[in-house]
Protein backbone atom coordinates (compact mmCIF):
# COMPACT_ATOMS: atom_id res chain seq x y z
CA MET A 1 -9.10 18.26 -4.36
CA ASN A 2 -8.24 15.57 -1.67
CA ARG A 3 -10.10 13.57 -3.46
CA LEU A 4 -8.49 13.33 -6.60
CA LEU A 5 -5.46 13.14 -4.73
CA ARG A 6 -6.72 10.07 -2.76
CA ALA A 7 -8.08 8.60 -6.36
CA ALA A 8 -4.87 8.63 -7.81
CA ASP A 9 -3.03 7.44 -4.51
CA ARG A 10 -5.47 4.21 -4.77
CA ILE A 11 -4.45 3.80 -8.30
CA SER A 12 -1.27 4.14 -7.77
CA THR A 13 -1.19 1.63 -4.61
CA TRP A 14 -3.44 -0.87 -6.67
CA VAL A 15 -0.91 -1.32 -9.32
CA GLY A 16 1.51 -1.59 -6.77
CA GLN A 17 0.05 -4.01 -4.94
CA THR A 18 -1.05 -6.35 -8.00
CA ALA A 19 2.40 -6.02 -9.84
CA GLY A 20 3.75 -6.83 -6.08
CA TRP A 21 2.10 -10.81 -7.10
CA LEU A 22 4.39 -10.96 -9.59
CA ILE A 23 7.33 -12.03 -6.79
CA VAL A 24 4.98 -15.13 -6.49
CA VAL A 25 4.91 -15.96 -10.03
CA LEU A 26 9.27 -14.96 -9.46
CA VAL A 27 9.44 -17.91 -6.60
CA ALA A 28 6.88 -20.47 -8.62
CA ILE A 29 9.15 -20.64 -11.74
CA THR A 30 12.28 -20.43 -9.65
CA ALA A 31 10.93 -23.79 -7.68
CA PHE A 32 9.74 -25.40 -11.04
CA GLU A 33 13.38 -24.93 -12.62
CA VAL A 34 14.94 -25.90 -9.28
CA VAL A 35 13.30 -29.21 -9.17
CA SER A 36 13.06 -29.92 -13.03
CA ARG A 37 16.97 -29.21 -13.11
CA TYR A 38 17.84 -31.34 -9.84
CA ALA A 39 15.53 -33.73 -10.05
CA PHE A 40 14.93 -34.54 -13.59
CA ASN A 41 17.83 -33.51 -14.96
CA LYS A 42 15.70 -31.22 -17.55
CA PRO A 43 16.64 -27.66 -17.71
CA ASN A 44 14.29 -25.47 -19.26
CA GLY A 45 16.02 -22.49 -21.37
CA TRP A 46 12.77 -20.00 -21.06
CA VAL A 47 13.50 -20.05 -17.26
CA LEU A 48 15.89 -17.35 -17.01
CA ASP A 49 13.87 -14.88 -19.49
CA ALA A 50 10.79 -15.60 -17.65
CA THR A 51 12.32 -14.52 -14.02
CA ILE A 52 14.02 -11.70 -15.55
CA MET A 53 11.03 -10.25 -17.26
CA SER A 54 8.87 -10.92 -13.72
CA TYR A 55 11.58 -9.21 -12.03
CA GLY A 56 11.51 -6.15 -14.48
CA ALA A 57 7.56 -5.76 -14.84
CA MET A 58 7.38 -6.10 -10.98
CA VAL A 59 9.88 -3.05 -10.10
CA ILE A 60 8.79 -0.78 -12.59
CA LEU A 61 4.77 -1.38 -12.27
CA GLY A 62 6.26 -0.49 -8.55
CA GLY A 63 6.89 3.56 -9.71
CA ALA A 64 4.34 5.06 -8.70
CA TYR A 65 2.93 2.84 -6.06
CA ALA A 66 6.47 4.09 -4.33
CA LEU A 67 5.95 7.64 -5.31
CA ALA A 68 2.73 7.43 -3.58
CA GLN A 69 3.85 5.79 -0.10
CA GLN A 70 6.44 8.15 -0.32
CA SER A 71 8.97 5.08 -0.35
CA HIS A 72 11.55 6.83 -2.98
CA VAL A 73 15.13 7.06 -1.26
CA ARG A 74 15.42 11.06 0.25
CA GLY A 75 18.26 12.00 2.26
CA ASP A 76 16.46 14.00 4.24
CA ILE A 77 18.59 14.90 7.35
CA LEU A 78 18.27 18.44 6.31
CA TYR A 79 14.55 17.75 4.92
CA GLY A 80 12.44 16.68 7.65
CA MET A 81 13.20 19.51 10.08
CA LEU A 82 11.82 22.07 7.54
CA GLN A 83 7.95 23.63 8.10
CA PRO A 84 5.67 21.41 5.78
CA ARG A 85 5.53 24.63 3.43
CA THR A 86 9.24 25.19 2.38
CA GLN A 87 9.28 20.77 2.03
CA ALA A 88 6.76 21.58 -0.15
CA ILE A 89 8.19 24.38 -2.17
CA ILE A 90 11.61 22.36 -2.56
CA ASP A 91 9.26 19.39 -3.58
CA LEU A 92 7.43 21.22 -6.32
CA ALA A 93 10.42 22.99 -7.82
CA LEU A 94 12.46 19.14 -8.11
CA TYR A 95 8.99 17.83 -9.40
CA LEU A 96 9.03 20.96 -12.18
CA VAL A 97 12.74 20.89 -12.73
CA PHE A 98 13.56 17.48 -12.80
CA PHE A 99 10.59 14.99 -12.53
CA CYS A 100 8.29 15.84 -14.87
CA PRO A 101 10.97 16.07 -17.96
CA GLY A 102 12.38 13.04 -16.96
CA VAL A 103 8.86 11.14 -17.04
CA VAL A 104 8.14 12.57 -20.02
CA ALA A 105 11.25 11.50 -21.51
CA LEU A 106 10.63 7.82 -20.21
CA VAL A 107 7.06 7.77 -21.36
CA TRP A 108 8.64 8.93 -24.89
CA ALA A 109 11.34 7.13 -25.13
CA GLY A 110 9.55 3.65 -23.70
CA ALA A 111 6.70 3.88 -26.30
CA ALA A 112 8.88 4.22 -29.33
CA TYR A 113 10.98 0.83 -27.70
CA ALA A 114 7.94 -0.77 -27.32
CA HIS A 115 6.75 0.05 -30.77
CA ASP A 116 10.00 -1.25 -32.14
CA SER A 117 10.09 -4.55 -30.29
CA TRP A 118 6.59 -5.34 -31.60
CA ALA A 119 6.84 -4.39 -35.27
CA ALA A 120 9.96 -6.22 -34.88
CA GLY A 121 8.53 -9.63 -33.10
CA GLU A 122 11.50 -9.38 -30.56
CA ARG A 123 12.42 -11.92 -28.63
CA SER A 124 14.81 -12.37 -25.80
CA ALA A 125 18.55 -13.11 -27.05
CA LEU A 126 19.68 -14.85 -23.83
CA THR A 127 18.60 -18.13 -24.83
CA ALA A 128 18.41 -20.08 -28.63
CA ASN A 129 14.36 -19.70 -28.44
CA GLY A 130 14.01 -17.12 -26.13
CA LEU A 131 10.57 -15.81 -24.63
CA PRO A 132 9.26 -12.23 -26.64
CA VAL A 133 9.87 -9.08 -25.19
CA TYR A 134 7.79 -7.26 -26.37
CA PRO A 135 5.14 -6.87 -23.58
CA LEU A 136 7.89 -6.44 -21.27
CA LYS A 137 8.85 -3.09 -23.51
CA SER A 138 4.87 -1.92 -23.18
CA LEU A 139 5.05 -1.62 -19.61
CA ILE A 140 7.75 1.11 -19.53
CA PRO A 141 5.97 3.68 -21.53
CA LEU A 142 2.46 2.30 -18.92
CA ALA A 143 4.64 2.46 -15.93
CA GLY A 144 5.78 6.23 -16.83
CA ALA A 145 1.86 6.98 -17.79
CA LEU A 146 0.95 5.76 -14.11
CA LEU A 147 4.56 7.48 -12.47
CA MET A 148 3.55 11.18 -14.55
CA MET A 149 -0.18 10.71 -12.98
CA GLN A 150 1.47 10.14 -8.94
CA GLY A 151 3.50 13.02 -10.05
CA LEU A 152 1.12 15.33 -11.13
CA ALA A 153 -0.51 14.14 -7.69
CA GLU A 154 2.37 14.97 -5.78
CA ILE A 155 2.50 18.51 -7.73
CA LEU A 156 -1.09 19.56 -6.47
CA ARG A 157 -0.18 18.42 -2.98
CA CYS A 158 2.77 20.54 -2.91
CA VAL A 159 0.38 23.38 -3.88
CA ALA A 160 -2.09 22.78 -1.23
CA CYS A 161 0.10 22.74 1.57
CA ILE A 162 2.10 25.98 0.02
CA ARG A 163 -1.81 27.11 0.64
CA GLN A 164 -2.70 25.52 3.49
CA GLY A 165 0.58 24.73 5.40
CA ALA A 166 -0.22 21.06 6.18
CA TRP A 167 -0.19 18.01 4.13
CA ALA A 168 -3.10 16.59 2.64
CA PRO A 169 -4.17 13.01 3.93
CA ARG A 170 -2.21 10.24 1.57
CA VAL A 171 -3.76 6.64 1.17
CA GLU A 172 -1.75 4.22 3.30
CA ASP A 173 -0.37 1.00 2.88
CA VAL A 174 0.89 -1.58 5.32
CA GLN A 175 4.85 -0.90 6.21
CA GLU A 176 7.70 -3.45 7.23
CA VAL A 177 8.30 -0.93 10.02
CA ASP A 178 6.03 1.41 12.25
CA VAL A 179 8.53 4.33 11.36
CA ASP A 180 6.16 6.98 13.21
CA ARG A 181 6.40 4.82 16.43
CA LEU A 182 10.38 4.16 16.38
CA ARG A 183 10.85 8.11 15.31
CA SER A 184 8.80 8.56 18.57
CA GLN A 185 10.85 6.12 20.57
CA ALA A 186 13.67 7.42 19.25
CA LEU A 187 13.06 11.42 20.17
CA ALA A 188 11.89 9.45 23.86
CA ALA A 189 15.17 8.06 24.17
CA ASP A 190 17.29 11.20 22.96
CA ALA A 191 15.05 13.21 25.70
CA ASN A 192 16.51 10.95 28.89
CA VAL A 193 19.63 10.54 27.69
CA ALA A 194 21.44 12.99 30.13
CA PRO A 195 24.01 15.48 28.76
CA ALA A 196 27.96 14.82 29.26
CA THR A 197 29.14 16.53 31.83
CA GLY A 198 32.41 18.49 31.36
CA GLY A 199 35.49 18.37 33.28
CA ARG A 200 38.23 16.30 34.17
CA ALA A 201 38.23 12.89 36.24
């Protein structure tokens, strides 16, 4: 089972890392427009569409990657103090009740949006000759399918944790900060703080 989980993690991580390169495209387009507009007085109407689409593609394709890396926002004040088996039971219930129906709806609606957009040859209405929108809308069901794949891997990870009492290993990627190191430093600092003394001065 670990091989299956790690395969899903690798696919999600690869897609997320690849989509991350769109930030370079976004910066390049923006720099091009700044030079074109202010140095040559020739603004380009398509730049706004291109930057919005690049950013949108990067965000929606990063969903499965964020799930694989446990980077989605979580209010874990109490969750982090629970035993892994209890965490897995909570996660499993939430995946089955909220995640799976929501992502199925995303894929279903996204496929309909993409189909209608392709059929109409939809273009952006932000500028007079807007860029085609259907490639971006096609990414919605694709991103949803990737998110569902990673979600199913997370469900299997929960089941394994409930049985074994420990979380299965993940494919890790670089992080902005070393979270475990910061946590251990914070715990060490808390342990070294002397308790406040009572009484009156």
